[in-house]
Amino acid sequence: MIEIGKWNDLKVIRSKDFGIYLGEEDSSTAETVLLPRKQVPEGVKAGASLRVFIYRDSQDRIIATTNTPLITVGEVKKLQVKSVTSLGAFMDCGLERDVLLPFKEQTAKVEAGKSYLVRMYVDKSGRLAVSMKIGKELQPIEGYEEGQDFVGTVYEFKKDFGAFVAIDDKYPGLIYTSELYAPVRVGDEVHGRIVKIRPDGKADLALRKLAYAQMEEDSEMVYAVIKSYKGVLPFTDKADKDIIKKEFGLSKNAFKRACGRLLKEGKIRITEKTIELVD
């Protein structure tokens, strides 16, 4: 059976001016698919075998290509949105026809020009489509240890849980809401560390480094922000946590640690109502 959305090894059945028809090597059916003339390798004759990818063209006809697509059925890959229409979003899959991402398969509103992790599938009408609902397609994490850094892509966000991340675009991880000190959106590439690897092969993640490693970066950032206030911050490390998060993107404890480092280094002084740079 010729499978749409996959690579098929087929033989040349007959040739026409506009292309060649391909079929299965040992099939008793008359099912064939056209490979357009511009795609036919030079010197190919009847009976020869070809490896081709099968999809539907702009007129919804099943057609073969020797071009390599960016994704095949069952795979999870990052694709770019070409346009958003009333039907959904169309994504570049490396073929002459873009693939549809239906609204019902989106985990967040998508934007033209931005890339998102998706899986390819064949819909009920036999057409190729993609979905952002990739959680069940991800593999149990391997090759990582707790404490290691990671790079991944956010594929879903739930306010009550946090950001769901595909580590290396293939392993499942979660950054809990309590660990999100900077806004992230679906499709964003994120960097952080692996806090815990659970028995089910999923990982708990953090965007921030271990406290001692993060403190230096935080203190440099806090110093720069105070400097932007002309050297006088109009509140101290006792300020409300929401004010601190808004101004610095830090938790109150992380802000206190950063201020403590700057204070120890003699770069700031803390008054009753302000934090000031030391000249």
Foldseek 3Di string as FASTA:
>chain_A
DDDAQDKDKWFFAAADPQFTWTDHDPDPDPDTAGEGPVQDDPPHDGGHIDIWHWAADPVRGIHTHPFDWQAGALDKDKWAFADQDPQGTFTGGPDPGTAHEGPVQAQDDDDHGAIAIWHWHQDPVRHIHIHLPCVVSADQDPPDDAQAKFKWFFSHADLQAGTWTDTVSHFTEGEGPVQFLDDDDGRDIAMFGFHDQDPVRYTYTHRAHPLVVRLVVQLVQVLVLCVVVVFKAQADLVDDQVVCSVSRSDGSVSNVSSVVVCVVVVQWDDDPGIIGGDD
